[in-house]
Amino acid sequence: MQNIRESTDILMQIKELGVKTSLDNFGTGYSSLHILSKLPIDTIKIDKSFVDELGQVNQSPMIKTILELGLNLNLSIVAESIETESQLRFLRENGCVIGQGYLFSKPVKAEEFEQLIKTNDVRGFKTHPLSLS
């Protein structure tokens, strides 16, 4: 991400192959607003630090802004590390419909995940009306 021109060229080639790309840990490191508007990406993943701080003074406006920005750029938005119903409610109310975190499931081994998909058995997984997973 330090070389935007090179990153953009590579991402465009990947996009031409039909592969969708995601910018992980959005809001930290090299994921600046300047870069976001230039990269041919499909999804941003909101960094755990923002979700963890939901409910604290002055943090809600920051995550609302990230959500609005992503939605205005027609990007999919994934919230990382959702752990509480109040975090989920806030994110849903502000347009985020994809998420991951312990609220839904603890990490499982690949074999167990594969079996859950094959059998459509979601025991132990908390489900919600929206497509948060």
N, C-alpha and C. Protein backbone atom coordinates (compact mmCIF):
# COMPACT_ATOMS: atom_id res chain seq x y z
N MET A 1 0.81 -1.20 0.00
CA MET A 1 0.00 0.00 0.00
C MET A 1 0.85 1.26 0.00
N GLN A 2 2.16 1.11 0.22
CA GLN A 2 3.03 2.28 0.23
C GLN A 2 3.19 2.85 -1.17
N ASN A 3 3.07 2.01 -2.20
CA ASN A 3 3.18 2.46 -3.58
C ASN A 3 1.79 2.31 -4.21
N ILE A 4 1.04 3.38 -4.19
CA ILE A 4 -0.35 3.33 -4.64
C ILE A 4 -0.46 2.94 -6.11
N ARG A 5 0.41 3.47 -6.96
CA ARG A 5 0.35 3.18 -8.39
C ARG A 5 0.55 1.68 -8.63
N GLU A 6 1.57 1.10 -8.02
CA GLU A 6 1.84 -0.33 -8.19
C GLU A 6 0.70 -1.17 -7.60
N SER A 7 0.22 -0.79 -6.43
CA SER A 7 -0.88 -1.52 -5.81
C SER A 7 -2.13 -1.48 -6.67
N THR A 8 -2.41 -0.31 -7.23
CA THR A 8 -3.59 -0.16 -8.09
C THR A 8 -3.49 -1.04 -9.32
N ASP A 9 -2.32 -1.06 -9.95
CA ASP A 9 -2.12 -1.90 -11.14
C ASP A 9 -2.34 -3.38 -10.81
N ILE A 10 -1.78 -3.83 -9.72
CA ILE A 10 -1.92 -5.24 -9.32
C ILE A 10 -3.38 -5.56 -9.00
N LEU A 11 -4.02 -4.67 -8.25
CA LEU A 11 -5.42 -4.91 -7.90
C LEU A 11 -6.34 -4.90 -9.12
N MET A 12 -6.03 -4.07 -10.10
CA MET A 12 -6.82 -4.06 -11.34
C MET A 12 -6.68 -5.38 -12.08
N GLN A 13 -5.47 -5.93 -12.13
CA GLN A 13 -5.25 -7.23 -12.77
C GLN A 13 -6.02 -8.33 -12.03
N ILE A 14 -6.02 -8.27 -10.72
CA ILE A 14 -6.76 -9.26 -9.93
C ILE A 14 -8.26 -9.11 -10.19
N LYS A 15 -8.73 -7.89 -10.24
CA LYS A 15 -10.16 -7.62 -10.48
C LYS A 15 -10.58 -8.16 -11.86
N GLU A 16 -9.71 -8.01 -12.85
CA GLU A 16 -10.00 -8.51 -14.20
C GLU A 16 -10.14 -10.03 -14.23
N LEU A 17 -9.54 -10.70 -13.27
CA LEU A 17 -9.68 -12.17 -13.16
C LEU A 17 -11.00 -12.56 -12.49
N GLY A 18 -11.73 -11.56 -11.99
CA GLY A 18 -12.99 -11.83 -11.33
C GLY A 18 -12.87 -12.02 -9.82
N VAL A 19 -11.69 -11.72 -9.30
CA VAL A 19 -11.46 -11.88 -7.86
C VAL A 19 -11.83 -10.59 -7.15
N LYS A 20 -12.60 -10.70 -6.07
CA LYS A 20 -12.95 -9.54 -5.26
C LYS A 20 -11.89 -9.35 -4.19
N THR A 21 -11.63 -8.09 -3.86
CA THR A 21 -10.59 -7.79 -2.89
C THR A 21 -11.15 -6.99 -1.71
N SER A 22 -10.47 -7.13 -0.60
CA SER A 22 -10.89 -6.46 0.63
C SER A 22 -9.70 -5.77 1.27
N LEU A 23 -9.94 -4.61 1.83
CA LEU A 23 -8.92 -3.89 2.57
C LEU A 23 -9.17 -4.17 4.05
N ASP A 24 -8.27 -4.96 4.65
CA ASP A 24 -8.41 -5.39 6.04
C ASP A 24 -7.93 -4.30 6.99
N ASN A 25 -8.47 -4.33 8.20
CA ASN A 25 -8.08 -3.40 9.28
C ASN A 25 -8.24 -1.94 8.87
N PHE A 26 -9.33 -1.64 8.18
CA PHE A 26 -9.54 -0.27 7.71
C PHE A 26 -9.56 0.70 8.89
N GLY A 27 -8.88 1.81 8.69
CA GLY A 27 -8.81 2.85 9.70
C GLY A 27 -7.48 2.86 10.42
N THR A 28 -6.63 1.89 10.11
CA THR A 28 -5.31 1.82 10.75
C THR A 28 -4.23 1.72 9.68
N GLY A 29 -3.02 1.92 10.05
CA GLY A 29 -1.88 1.72 9.14
C GLY A 29 -1.97 2.53 7.87
N TYR A 30 -1.82 1.85 6.72
CA TYR A 30 -1.79 2.52 5.42
C TYR A 30 -3.17 2.70 4.79
N SER A 31 -4.22 2.38 5.53
CA SER A 31 -5.56 2.48 4.94
C SER A 31 -6.12 3.88 5.12
N SER A 32 -5.52 4.84 4.49
CA SER A 32 -5.96 6.22 4.60
C SER A 32 -7.12 6.50 3.63
N LEU A 33 -7.78 7.62 3.86
CA LEU A 33 -8.88 8.00 2.98
C LEU A 33 -8.39 8.23 1.56
N HIS A 34 -7.21 8.77 1.43
CA HIS A 34 -6.63 9.02 0.12
C HIS A 34 -6.48 7.71 -0.66
N ILE A 35 -5.99 6.69 -0.02
CA ILE A 35 -5.82 5.38 -0.66
C ILE A 35 -7.16 4.75 -0.99
N LEU A 36 -8.09 4.86 -0.07
CA LEU A 36 -9.40 4.23 -0.26
C LEU A 36 -10.08 4.70 -1.53
N SER A 37 -9.97 5.97 -1.82
CA SER A 37 -10.65 6.51 -3.00
C SER A 37 -9.95 6.13 -4.31
N LYS A 38 -8.74 5.60 -4.25
CA LYS A 38 -7.99 5.28 -5.46
C LYS A 38 -7.88 3.79 -5.77
N LEU A 39 -8.02 2.94 -4.78
CA LEU A 39 -7.83 1.51 -5.00
C LEU A 39 -9.09 0.83 -5.52
N PRO A 40 -8.95 -0.07 -6.48
CA PRO A 40 -10.11 -0.80 -7.01
C PRO A 40 -10.44 -1.99 -6.11
N ILE A 41 -10.99 -1.68 -4.92
CA ILE A 41 -11.35 -2.74 -3.98
C ILE A 41 -12.86 -2.88 -3.90
N ASP A 42 -13.31 -3.99 -3.32
CA ASP A 42 -14.73 -4.26 -3.21
C ASP A 42 -15.26 -4.11 -1.79
N THR A 43 -14.40 -4.34 -0.82
CA THR A 43 -14.83 -4.42 0.57
C THR A 43 -13.81 -3.77 1.50
N ILE A 44 -14.32 -3.14 2.55
CA ILE A 44 -13.44 -2.73 3.64
C ILE A 44 -13.86 -3.49 4.89
N LYS A 45 -12.88 -3.86 5.68
CA LYS A 45 -13.13 -4.50 6.97
C LYS A 45 -12.75 -3.50 8.05
N ILE A 46 -13.75 -3.09 8.83
CA ILE A 46 -13.52 -2.11 9.88
C ILE A 46 -12.69 -2.76 10.98
N ASP A 47 -11.62 -2.11 11.35
CA ASP A 47 -10.71 -2.66 12.34
C ASP A 47 -11.38 -2.89 13.68
N LYS A 48 -10.96 -3.96 14.33
CA LYS A 48 -11.46 -4.37 15.64
C LYS A 48 -11.43 -3.23 16.66
N SER A 49 -10.42 -2.40 16.60
CA SER A 49 -10.28 -1.33 17.58
C SER A 49 -11.48 -0.39 17.57
N PHE A 50 -12.07 -0.14 16.40
CA PHE A 50 -13.24 0.73 16.32
C PHE A 50 -14.47 0.06 16.91
N VAL A 51 -14.65 -1.22 16.62
CA VAL A 51 -15.81 -1.96 17.14
C VAL A 51 -15.69 -2.11 18.66
N ASP A 52 -14.50 -2.39 19.15
CA ASP A 52 -14.27 -2.53 20.59
C ASP A 52 -14.67 -1.27 21.35
N GLU A 53 -14.46 -0.12 20.74
CA GLU A 53 -14.70 1.14 21.43
C GLU A 53 -16.12 1.69 21.24
N LEU A 54 -16.97 0.95 20.55
CA LEU A 54 -18.35 1.40 20.40
C LEU A 54 -18.97 1.56 21.77
N GLY A 55 -19.69 2.65 21.96
CA GLY A 55 -20.31 2.91 23.24
C GLY A 55 -19.49 3.85 24.10
N GLN A 56 -18.21 3.99 23.79
CA GLN A 56 -17.39 4.94 24.53
C GLN A 56 -17.60 6.34 23.97
N VAL A 57 -17.38 7.32 24.78
CA VAL A 57 -17.59 8.72 24.39
C VAL A 57 -16.76 9.03 23.14
N ASN A 58 -17.40 9.67 22.18
CA ASN A 58 -16.77 10.16 20.95
C ASN A 58 -16.35 9.07 19.96
N GLN A 59 -16.67 7.81 20.18
CA GLN A 59 -16.29 6.77 19.24
C GLN A 59 -17.38 6.49 18.21
N SER A 60 -18.63 6.65 18.59
CA SER A 60 -19.72 6.40 17.65
C SER A 60 -19.64 7.26 16.40
N PRO A 61 -19.34 8.56 16.51
CA PRO A 61 -19.23 9.36 15.28
C PRO A 61 -18.14 8.86 14.33
N MET A 62 -17.05 8.34 14.88
CA MET A 62 -15.95 7.86 14.04
C MET A 62 -16.40 6.65 13.22
N ILE A 63 -17.01 5.68 13.85
CA ILE A 63 -17.42 4.48 13.12
C ILE A 63 -18.59 4.79 12.18
N LYS A 64 -19.47 5.71 12.56
CA LYS A 64 -20.54 6.13 11.66
C LYS A 64 -19.95 6.73 10.39
N THR A 65 -18.91 7.52 10.54
CA THR A 65 -18.26 8.14 9.39
C THR A 65 -17.63 7.09 8.49
N ILE A 66 -16.98 6.11 9.07
CA ILE A 66 -16.38 5.02 8.28
C ILE A 66 -17.47 4.28 7.51
N LEU A 67 -18.58 3.98 8.18
CA LEU A 67 -19.68 3.27 7.52
C LEU A 67 -20.26 4.10 6.38
N GLU A 68 -20.52 5.38 6.64
CA GLU A 68 -21.06 6.25 5.59
C GLU A 68 -20.11 6.36 4.41
N LEU A 69 -18.85 6.49 4.69
CA LEU A 69 -17.85 6.59 3.63
C LEU A 69 -17.86 5.34 2.77
N GLY A 70 -17.81 4.18 3.40
CA GLY A 70 -17.83 2.92 2.66
C GLY A 70 -19.09 2.77 1.83
N LEU A 71 -20.23 3.08 2.42
CA LEU A 71 -21.49 2.98 1.69
C LEU A 71 -21.54 3.96 0.53
N ASN A 72 -21.05 5.19 0.73
CA ASN A 72 -21.04 6.18 -0.34
C ASN A 72 -20.11 5.81 -1.47
N LEU A 73 -19.09 5.00 -1.19
CA LEU A 73 -18.17 4.53 -2.23
C LEU A 73 -18.63 3.19 -2.82
N ASN A 74 -19.84 2.76 -2.46
CA ASN A 74 -20.42 1.51 -2.94
C ASN A 74 -19.55 0.30 -2.61
N LEU A 75 -18.98 0.30 -1.42
CA LEU A 75 -18.17 -0.81 -0.97
C LEU A 75 -18.97 -1.68 0.00
N SER A 76 -18.69 -2.96 0.01
CA SER A 76 -19.21 -3.81 1.07
C SER A 76 -18.42 -3.48 2.32
N ILE A 77 -19.07 -3.61 3.47
CA ILE A 77 -18.41 -3.29 4.72
C ILE A 77 -18.56 -4.47 5.66
N VAL A 78 -17.44 -4.91 6.23
CA VAL A 78 -17.44 -6.00 7.20
C VAL A 78 -16.94 -5.42 8.52
N ALA A 79 -17.68 -5.66 9.59
CA ALA A 79 -17.23 -5.25 10.92
C ALA A 79 -16.57 -6.46 11.58
N GLU A 80 -15.36 -6.25 12.08
CA GLU A 80 -14.62 -7.32 12.75
C GLU A 80 -14.91 -7.31 14.25
N SER A 81 -14.82 -8.47 14.85
CA SER A 81 -14.80 -8.61 16.32
C SER A 81 -16.06 -8.14 17.02
N ILE A 82 -17.22 -8.44 16.45
CA ILE A 82 -18.47 -8.11 17.12
C ILE A 82 -18.64 -9.09 18.28
N GLU A 83 -18.77 -8.55 19.49
CA GLU A 83 -18.85 -9.40 20.67
C GLU A 83 -20.11 -9.19 21.49
N THR A 84 -20.81 -8.07 21.27
CA THR A 84 -21.99 -7.80 22.08
C THR A 84 -23.20 -7.46 21.21
N GLU A 85 -24.38 -7.66 21.79
CA GLU A 85 -25.62 -7.32 21.09
C GLU A 85 -25.68 -5.81 20.81
N SER A 86 -25.17 -4.99 21.72
CA SER A 86 -25.22 -3.54 21.51
C SER A 86 -24.32 -3.12 20.33
N GLN A 87 -23.17 -3.77 20.18
CA GLN A 87 -22.32 -3.49 19.01
C GLN A 87 -23.06 -3.88 17.73
N LEU A 88 -23.67 -5.06 17.74
CA LEU A 88 -24.41 -5.53 16.58
C LEU A 88 -25.53 -4.57 16.23
N ARG A 89 -26.29 -4.16 17.23
CA ARG A 89 -27.42 -3.26 17.00
C ARG A 89 -26.94 -1.94 16.39
N PHE A 90 -25.88 -1.36 16.94
CA PHE A 90 -25.36 -0.10 16.42
C PHE A 90 -24.93 -0.26 14.96
N LEU A 91 -24.19 -1.30 14.66
CA LEU A 91 -23.69 -1.53 13.31
C LEU A 91 -24.84 -1.71 12.33
N ARG A 92 -25.82 -2.52 12.70
CA ARG A 92 -26.98 -2.74 11.81
C ARG A 92 -27.74 -1.45 11.58
N GLU A 93 -27.94 -0.67 12.64
CA GLU A 93 -28.69 0.60 12.52
C GLU A 93 -27.97 1.60 11.63
N ASN A 94 -26.68 1.41 11.45
CA ASN A 94 -25.89 2.35 10.66
C ASN A 94 -25.43 1.78 9.32
N GLY A 95 -26.09 0.72 8.86
CA GLY A 95 -25.88 0.23 7.50
C GLY A 95 -24.90 -0.90 7.31
N CYS A 96 -24.31 -1.42 8.37
CA CYS A 96 -23.37 -2.53 8.23
C CYS A 96 -24.14 -3.84 8.34
N VAL A 97 -24.12 -4.65 7.31
CA VAL A 97 -24.90 -5.89 7.31
C VAL A 97 -24.05 -7.15 7.25
N ILE A 98 -22.73 -6.99 7.34
CA ILE A 98 -21.84 -8.15 7.36
C ILE A 98 -20.88 -7.98 8.53
N GLY A 99 -20.74 -9.03 9.31
CA GLY A 99 -19.86 -8.93 10.46
C GLY A 99 -19.34 -10.28 10.89
N GLN A 100 -18.36 -10.24 11.74
CA GLN A 100 -17.79 -11.47 12.27
C GLN A 100 -17.40 -11.20 13.71
N GLY A 101 -17.35 -12.26 14.50
CA GLY A 101 -16.92 -12.09 15.88
C GLY A 101 -17.48 -13.16 16.78
N TYR A 102 -17.05 -13.12 18.02
CA TYR A 102 -17.44 -14.13 19.00
C TYR A 102 -18.93 -14.12 19.30
N LEU A 103 -19.62 -13.04 19.00
CA LEU A 103 -21.08 -13.03 19.20
C LEU A 103 -21.73 -14.14 18.39
N PHE A 104 -21.14 -14.45 17.25
CA PHE A 104 -21.70 -15.45 16.35
C PHE A 104 -21.09 -16.83 16.59
N SER A 105 -19.78 -16.89 16.78
CA SER A 105 -19.11 -18.17 17.01
C SER A 105 -17.67 -17.94 17.41
N LYS A 106 -17.18 -18.83 18.23
CA LYS A 106 -15.74 -18.89 18.49
C LYS A 106 -15.12 -19.51 17.24
N PRO A 107 -13.83 -19.34 17.03
CA PRO A 107 -13.18 -19.98 15.87
C PRO A 107 -13.33 -21.51 15.95
N VAL A 108 -13.52 -22.13 14.79
CA VAL A 108 -13.63 -23.59 14.71
C VAL A 108 -12.58 -24.10 13.73
N LYS A 109 -12.21 -25.35 13.90
CA LYS A 109 -11.25 -25.96 12.98
C LYS A 109 -11.88 -26.11 11.61
N ALA A 110 -11.03 -26.13 10.58
CA ALA A 110 -11.50 -26.21 9.20
C ALA A 110 -12.41 -27.41 8.99
N GLU A 111 -12.05 -28.55 9.55
CA GLU A 111 -12.85 -29.76 9.36
C GLU A 111 -14.25 -29.58 9.97
N GLU A 112 -14.32 -28.97 11.14
CA GLU A 112 -15.61 -28.74 11.78
C GLU A 112 -16.45 -27.75 10.97
N PHE A 113 -15.80 -26.71 10.46
CA PHE A 113 -16.51 -25.74 9.63
C PHE A 113 -17.04 -26.40 8.37
N GLU A 114 -16.22 -27.22 7.74
CA GLU A 114 -16.63 -27.93 6.53
C GLU A 114 -17.85 -28.80 6.82
N GLN A 115 -17.83 -29.48 7.94
CA GLN A 115 -18.95 -30.35 8.31
C GLN A 115 -20.22 -29.53 8.56
N LEU A 116 -20.06 -28.40 9.20
CA LEU A 116 -21.21 -27.53 9.46
C LEU A 116 -21.85 -27.07 8.14
N ILE A 117 -21.02 -26.76 7.17
CA ILE A 117 -21.55 -26.33 5.87
C ILE A 117 -22.24 -27.48 5.15
N LYS A 118 -21.61 -28.65 5.18
CA LYS A 118 -22.18 -29.81 4.48
C LYS A 118 -23.53 -30.20 5.06
N THR A 119 -23.64 -30.15 6.37
CA THR A 119 -24.88 -30.60 7.02
C THR A 119 -25.84 -29.46 7.31
N ASN A 120 -25.41 -28.24 7.04
CA ASN A 120 -26.20 -27.07 7.34
C ASN A 120 -26.56 -27.03 8.82
N ASP A 121 -25.69 -27.58 9.64
CA ASP A 121 -25.89 -27.65 11.08
C ASP A 121 -25.18 -26.47 11.72
N VAL A 122 -25.95 -25.55 12.23
CA VAL A 122 -25.34 -24.37 12.82
C VAL A 122 -25.45 -24.38 14.35
N ARG A 123 -25.50 -25.56 14.92
CA ARG A 123 -25.59 -25.63 16.38
C ARG A 123 -24.39 -24.91 16.99
N GLY A 124 -24.65 -24.16 18.01
CA GLY A 124 -23.58 -23.42 18.63
C GLY A 124 -23.30 -22.09 17.97
N PHE A 125 -23.91 -21.86 16.82
CA PHE A 125 -23.73 -20.59 16.15
C PHE A 125 -24.93 -19.72 16.44
N LYS A 126 -24.68 -18.51 16.82
CA LYS A 126 -25.75 -17.56 17.09
C LYS A 126 -26.16 -16.93 15.77
N THR A 127 -27.42 -16.94 15.45
CA THR A 127 -27.87 -16.37 14.17
C THR A 127 -28.70 -15.12 14.40
N HIS A 128 -28.72 -14.27 13.40
CA HIS A 128 -29.46 -13.02 13.45
C HIS A 128 -30.18 -12.82 12.13
N PRO A 129 -31.22 -11.98 12.10
CA PRO A 129 -32.00 -11.78 10.89
C PRO A 129 -31.20 -11.31 9.69
N LEU A 130 -30.20 -10.46 9.90
CA LEU A 130 -29.40 -10.01 8.76
C LEU A 130 -28.32 -10.99 8.46
N SER A 131 -27.60 -10.76 7.38
CA SER A 131 -26.61 -11.73 6.92
C SER A 131 -25.28 -11.58 7.63
N LEU A 132 -25.32 -11.23 8.91
CA LEU A 132 -24.08 -11.17 9.68
C LEU A 132 -23.64 -12.58 9.99
N SER A 133 -22.37 -12.87 9.80
CA SER A 133 -21.88 -14.23 10.07
C SER A 133 -20.51 -14.19 10.69
